[in-house]
Amino acid sequence: MWKLIVGFIAFAALALYILTKSGGNIDLSGEKHDVTAGHEPAASAAVEAASGPASAASQ
């Protein structure tokens, strides 16, 4: 059983090493939430963009 755990840790370390050296964008700091940006303008812009082609097609 301990061999499986050691093998998994070695494989994970190798994968992280290869991804960082190949230019992969790895961020191990956790989730990031942008609390400074407002959600309402983006939501209303998406609604306007979605309703624009639908109203043009109905004419």
C-alpha atoms as a PDB file:
ATOM      1  CA  MET A   1       0.000   0.000   0.000  1.00  0.00           C
ATOM      2  CA  TRP A   2       2.769   2.419   0.827  1.00  0.00           C
ATOM      3  CA  LYS A   3       4.262   1.787  -2.619  1.00  0.00           C
ATOM      4  CA  LEU A   4       1.078   3.101  -4.251  1.00  0.00           C
ATOM      5  CA  ILE A   5       1.191   6.269  -2.175  1.00  0.00           C
ATOM      6  CA  VAL A   6       4.876   6.869  -2.940  1.00  0.00           C
ATOM      7  CA  GLY A   7       4.252   6.182  -6.632  1.00  0.00           C
ATOM      8  CA  PHE A   8       1.363   8.639  -6.735  1.00  0.00           C
ATOM      9  CA  ILE A   9       3.409  11.359  -5.043  1.00  0.00           C
ATOM     10  CA  ALA A  10       6.309  10.765  -7.447  1.00  0.00           C
ATOM     11  CA  PHE A  11       3.985  10.867 -10.455  1.00  0.00           C
ATOM     12  CA  ALA A  12       2.296  14.064  -9.251  1.00  0.00           C
ATOM     13  CA  ALA A  13       5.672  15.726  -8.636  1.00  0.00           C
ATOM     14  CA  LEU A  14       6.896  14.703 -12.084  1.00  0.00           C
ATOM     15  CA  ALA A  15       3.710  15.998 -13.728  1.00  0.00           C
ATOM     16  CA  LEU A  16       3.969  19.362 -11.955  1.00  0.00           C
ATOM     17  CA  TYR A  17       7.645  19.645 -12.885  1.00  0.00           C
ATOM     18  CA  ILE A  18       6.958  18.918 -16.560  1.00  0.00           C
ATOM     19  CA  LEU A  19       4.017  21.328 -16.703  1.00  0.00           C
ATOM     20  CA  THR A  20       5.949  24.180 -15.113  1.00  0.00           C
ATOM     21  CA  LYS A  21       8.962  23.665 -17.374  1.00  0.00           C
ATOM     22  CA  SER A  22       6.825  23.443 -20.532  1.00  0.00           C
ATOM     23  CA  GLY A  23       5.219  26.821 -19.911  1.00  0.00           C
ATOM     24  CA  GLY A  24       1.923  25.619 -18.448  1.00  0.00           C
ATOM     25  CA  ASN A  25       0.049  28.252 -16.487  1.00  0.00           C
ATOM     26  CA  ILE A  26      -0.111  26.569 -13.092  1.00  0.00           C
ATOM     27  CA  ASP A  27      -1.523  28.475 -10.133  1.00  0.00           C
ATOM     28  CA  LEU A  28      -1.632  26.566  -6.863  1.00  0.00           C
ATOM     29  CA  SER A  29      -2.963  29.454  -4.782  1.00  0.00           C
ATOM     30  CA  GLY A  30      -6.609  28.376  -4.940  1.00  0.00           C
ATOM     31  CA  GLU A  31      -9.713  30.010  -6.335  1.00  0.00           C
ATOM     32  CA  LYS A  32      -9.714  33.701  -7.057  1.00  0.00           C
ATOM     33  CA  HIS A  33     -12.847  35.798  -6.952  1.00  0.00           C
ATOM     34  CA  ASP A  34     -12.894  39.330  -8.293  1.00  0.00           C
ATOM     35  CA  VAL A  35     -15.080  41.170  -5.795  1.00  0.00           C
ATOM     36  CA  THR A  36     -14.259  44.606  -7.213  1.00  0.00           C
ATOM     37  CA  ALA A  37     -15.973  44.006 -10.536  1.00  0.00           C
ATOM     38  CA  GLY A  38     -19.732  44.420 -10.700  1.00  0.00           C
ATOM     39  CA  HIS A  39     -21.838  41.581 -12.025  1.00  0.00           C
ATOM     40  CA  GLU A  40     -24.797  43.639 -13.233  1.00  0.00           C
ATOM     41  CA  PRO A  41     -23.208  45.380 -16.273  1.00  0.00           C
ATOM     42  CA  ALA A  42     -21.850  42.121 -17.631  1.00  0.00           C
ATOM     43  CA  ALA A  43     -25.189  40.363 -17.162  1.00  0.00           C
ATOM     44  CA  SER A  44     -27.161  43.157 -18.832  1.00  0.00           C
ATOM     45  CA  ALA A  45     -24.690  43.281 -21.735  1.00  0.00           C
ATOM     46  CA  ALA A  46     -25.101  39.536 -22.245  1.00  0.00           C
ATOM     47  CA  VAL A  47     -28.896  39.903 -22.261  1.00  0.00           C
ATOM     48  CA  GLU A  48     -28.717  42.749 -24.786  1.00  0.00           C
ATOM     49  CA  ALA A  49     -26.333  40.794 -27.011  1.00  0.00           C
ATOM     50  CA  ALA A  50     -28.573  37.742 -26.904  1.00  0.00           C
ATOM     51  CA  SER A  51     -31.758  39.701 -27.598  1.00  0.00           C
ATOM     52  CA  GLY A  52     -30.230  41.728 -30.464  1.00  0.00           C
ATOM     53  CA  PRO A  53     -30.077  38.969 -33.142  1.00  0.00           C
ATOM     54  CA  ALA A  54     -33.388  37.473 -32.017  1.00  0.00           C
ATOM     55  CA  SER A  55     -35.241  40.752 -32.551  1.00  0.00           C
ATOM     56  CA  ALA A  56     -33.574  41.254 -35.937  1.00  0.00           C
ATOM     57  CA  ALA A  57     -34.615  37.768 -37.055  1.00  0.00           C
ATOM     58  CA  SER A  58     -38.241  38.358 -36.127  1.00  0.00           C
ATOM     59  CA  GLN A  59     -38.528  41.433 -38.374  1.00  0.00           C
END
